[in-house]
Amino acid sequence: MEGQYRFWQERCEICHINGRGSVGHHSWRDCPDREEREAVRQVWEALGGIKFEAYTGCFDCWAPQGICQAWETVENGRCSRYQRARGGQCQFPGVLRDTVAAVVGVGRAELIGDFVQTIAAKERVKLDDSQESGVGQWMPWLRRKTKIGEVETSGLGRIFLELG
């Protein structure tokens, strides 16, 4: 899981998704493809409206608390919880939001929409049909806590881990 975060940390998400050289050259914000950059920006801004359920990830970088260095595990009987680590800092700032925004924004919205609808139906989560955008419709599921293995994350984190 941490490897996937490191992978996306050092590259332009737009260039990588489109099969162009992407390592270390620039971020999606500086991508020369203006049209796709604007599409990613719109999704990125929409994702900023998510109000996550408790324990879905770090408040700052949105990565699962179990891998973010800003958090430390506190054993609580049968389950683990997290508290802010003294002096700890996020090692993956922006990676989750940037990557999912790019995956949705550069032509993969239909794939992500199908994924979200399938999983939401299995989990009996009602999507918000009153919203125009896919991201707006997906909000009820994106904000929810889910578990992948032993790691708690959000629906948004699940998209990143399974499709990013």
Protein backbone atom coordinates (compact mmCIF):
# COMPACT_ATOMS: atom_id res chain seq x y z
CA MET A 1 0.00 0.00 0.00
CA GLU A 2 2.78 2.44 0.88
CA GLY A 3 4.49 1.48 -2.36
CA GLN A 4 1.49 2.65 -4.35
CA TYR A 5 1.57 6.00 -2.54
CA ARG A 6 5.32 6.35 -3.23
CA PHE A 7 4.76 5.42 -6.89
CA TRP A 8 2.30 8.28 -7.46
CA GLN A 9 4.20 10.77 -5.31
CA GLU A 10 6.95 11.52 -7.82
CA ARG A 11 5.07 11.85 -11.09
CA CYS A 12 2.59 13.83 -13.12
CA GLU A 13 -0.63 11.87 -12.84
CA ILE A 14 -1.95 13.16 -16.18
CA CYS A 15 1.18 12.21 -18.11
CA HIS A 16 1.40 8.79 -16.46
CA ILE A 17 -2.26 7.93 -17.13
CA ASN A 18 -1.76 8.94 -20.77
CA GLY A 19 1.39 6.84 -21.15
CA ARG A 20 3.86 9.72 -21.36
CA GLY A 21 7.07 10.15 -19.37
CA SER A 22 5.90 11.20 -15.94
CA VAL A 23 8.59 10.79 -13.30
CA GLY A 24 9.90 13.91 -11.62
CA HIS A 25 9.25 16.32 -14.49
CA HIS A 26 6.26 18.23 -13.12
CA SER A 27 3.03 17.81 -11.18
CA TRP A 28 -0.43 17.70 -12.78
CA ARG A 29 -0.76 21.40 -11.86
CA ASP A 30 2.10 22.20 -14.24
CA CYS A 31 1.22 19.69 -16.95
CA PRO A 32 1.46 21.19 -20.44
CA ASP A 33 -1.86 19.57 -21.40
CA ARG A 34 -4.05 22.54 -20.45
CA GLU A 35 -7.40 20.87 -21.26
CA GLU A 36 -6.75 17.80 -19.14
CA ARG A 37 -5.21 19.92 -16.38
CA GLU A 38 -8.49 21.87 -16.18
CA ALA A 39 -10.53 18.64 -16.04
CA VAL A 40 -8.37 17.35 -13.18
CA ARG A 41 -8.64 20.68 -11.36
CA GLN A 42 -12.44 20.52 -11.48
CA VAL A 43 -12.51 17.01 -10.02
CA TRP A 44 -9.84 17.96 -7.46
CA GLU A 45 -11.99 20.86 -6.26
CA ALA A 46 -15.10 18.65 -6.07
CA LEU A 47 -13.19 16.11 -3.97
CA GLY A 48 -12.41 18.91 -1.51
CA GLY A 49 -16.08 18.84 -0.48
CA ILE A 50 -15.91 15.36 1.01
CA LYS A 51 -16.81 15.18 4.70
CA PHE A 52 -15.14 11.90 5.68
CA GLU A 53 -16.43 9.54 8.34
CA ALA A 54 -14.22 9.12 11.42
CA TYR A 55 -11.08 6.99 11.09
CA THR A 56 -11.06 6.95 7.29
CA GLY A 57 -7.64 8.58 7.02
CA CYS A 58 -5.31 11.39 7.98
CA PHE A 59 -7.08 14.76 8.21
CA ASP A 60 -4.27 16.41 6.24
CA CYS A 61 -3.17 14.02 3.47
CA TRP A 62 -6.17 11.64 3.45
CA ALA A 63 -3.89 8.56 3.41
CA PRO A 64 -4.92 5.77 5.78
CA GLN A 65 -3.84 6.58 9.32
CA GLY A 66 -2.18 3.16 9.43
CA ILE A 67 0.47 4.26 6.92
CA CYS A 68 0.70 8.02 7.55
CA GLN A 69 3.65 8.98 9.75
CA ALA A 70 1.59 11.78 11.33
CA TRP A 71 -0.27 9.05 13.26
CA GLU A 72 0.69 6.31 15.69
CA THR A 73 -1.21 3.20 16.68
CA VAL A 74 -2.87 3.01 20.07
CA GLU A 75 -3.93 -0.53 20.96
CA ASN A 76 -7.45 -0.65 22.30
CA GLY A 77 -8.31 -4.23 23.19
CA ARG A 78 -9.50 -5.94 20.02
CA CYS A 79 -8.90 -3.10 17.59
CA SER A 80 -6.33 -0.46 16.78
CA ARG A 81 -6.98 3.25 16.88
CA TYR A 82 -4.71 6.13 16.06
CA GLN A 83 -3.55 9.33 17.66
CA ARG A 84 -1.37 12.12 16.37
CA ALA A 85 2.28 11.17 16.60
CA ARG A 86 4.42 13.71 18.40
CA GLY A 87 6.50 15.37 15.70
CA GLY A 88 5.06 13.11 12.99
CA GLN A 89 4.44 14.50 9.52
CA CYS A 90 2.51 13.22 6.53
CA GLN A 91 4.84 11.64 4.01
CA PHE A 92 2.20 11.55 1.25
CA PRO A 93 0.68 15.06 1.13
CA GLY A 94 -1.82 15.40 -1.71
CA VAL A 95 -1.11 12.01 -3.28
CA LEU A 96 -4.55 10.45 -2.76
CA ARG A 97 -6.58 13.48 -3.86
CA ASP A 98 -4.30 14.32 -6.80
CA THR A 99 -4.25 10.76 -8.13
CA VAL A 100 -7.98 10.11 -7.90
CA ALA A 101 -8.73 13.54 -9.41
CA ALA A 102 -6.50 12.66 -12.36
CA VAL A 103 -7.89 9.14 -12.79
CA VAL A 104 -11.43 10.57 -12.90
CA GLY A 105 -10.56 13.77 -14.77
CA VAL A 106 -8.67 12.33 -17.74
CA GLY A 107 -11.30 10.10 -19.20
CA ARG A 108 -11.67 7.35 -16.62
CA ALA A 109 -14.82 8.74 -14.98
CA GLU A 110 -17.05 6.07 -16.54
CA LEU A 111 -14.85 3.25 -15.21
CA ILE A 112 -14.74 4.81 -11.75
CA GLY A 113 -18.50 5.45 -11.87
CA ASP A 114 -19.19 1.80 -12.68
CA PHE A 115 -16.86 0.72 -9.85
CA VAL A 116 -18.51 3.06 -7.32
CA GLN A 117 -22.04 2.06 -8.35
CA THR A 118 -21.23 -1.66 -8.11
CA ILE A 119 -19.58 -1.42 -4.69
CA ALA A 120 -22.16 1.05 -3.32
CA ALA A 121 -24.97 -1.32 -4.37
CA LYS A 122 -23.25 -4.26 -2.65
CA GLU A 123 -22.78 -2.18 0.49
CA ARG A 124 -26.34 -0.77 0.22
CA VAL A 125 -25.16 2.83 0.06
CA LYS A 126 -27.55 5.19 -1.70
CA LEU A 127 -25.74 7.52 -4.08
CA ASP A 128 -26.87 11.15 -4.43
CA ASP A 129 -28.79 11.28 -7.71
CA SER A 130 -29.65 14.94 -7.15
CA GLN A 131 -26.07 15.92 -8.01
CA GLU A 132 -25.03 16.60 -11.61
CA SER A 133 -21.42 15.43 -11.45
CA GLY A 134 -20.24 11.89 -10.89
CA VAL A 135 -18.14 12.96 -7.92
CA GLY A 136 -21.13 14.72 -6.37
CA GLN A 137 -23.27 11.62 -6.85
CA TRP A 138 -20.57 9.40 -5.36
CA MET A 139 -20.06 11.50 -2.17
CA PRO A 140 -22.10 9.25 0.15
CA TRP A 141 -19.85 6.32 -0.75
CA LEU A 142 -16.55 8.23 -1.08
CA ARG A 143 -16.80 9.50 2.51
CA ARG A 144 -17.55 6.10 4.10
CA LYS A 145 -15.10 4.05 6.08
CA THR A 146 -14.06 0.76 4.56
CA LYS A 147 -11.35 -1.78 5.29
CA ILE A 148 -8.81 -3.18 2.88
CA GLY A 149 -7.07 -5.99 4.67
CA GLU A 150 -6.36 -4.55 8.12
CA VAL A 151 -6.19 -0.94 6.95
CA GLU A 152 -9.11 1.45 7.42
CA THR A 153 -9.61 3.95 4.63
CA SER A 154 -12.40 5.81 2.83
CA GLY A 155 -14.23 4.94 -0.36
CA LEU A 156 -11.95 7.49 -2.02
CA GLY A 157 -8.96 5.59 -0.64
CA ARG A 158 -10.39 2.37 -2.02
CA ILE A 159 -10.57 3.89 -5.51
CA PHE A 160 -6.92 4.88 -5.17
CA LEU A 161 -5.82 1.48 -3.95
CA GLU A 162 -7.85 -0.62 -6.39
CA LEU A 163 -7.87 1.52 -9.52
CA GLY A 164 -5.10 4.11 -9.11
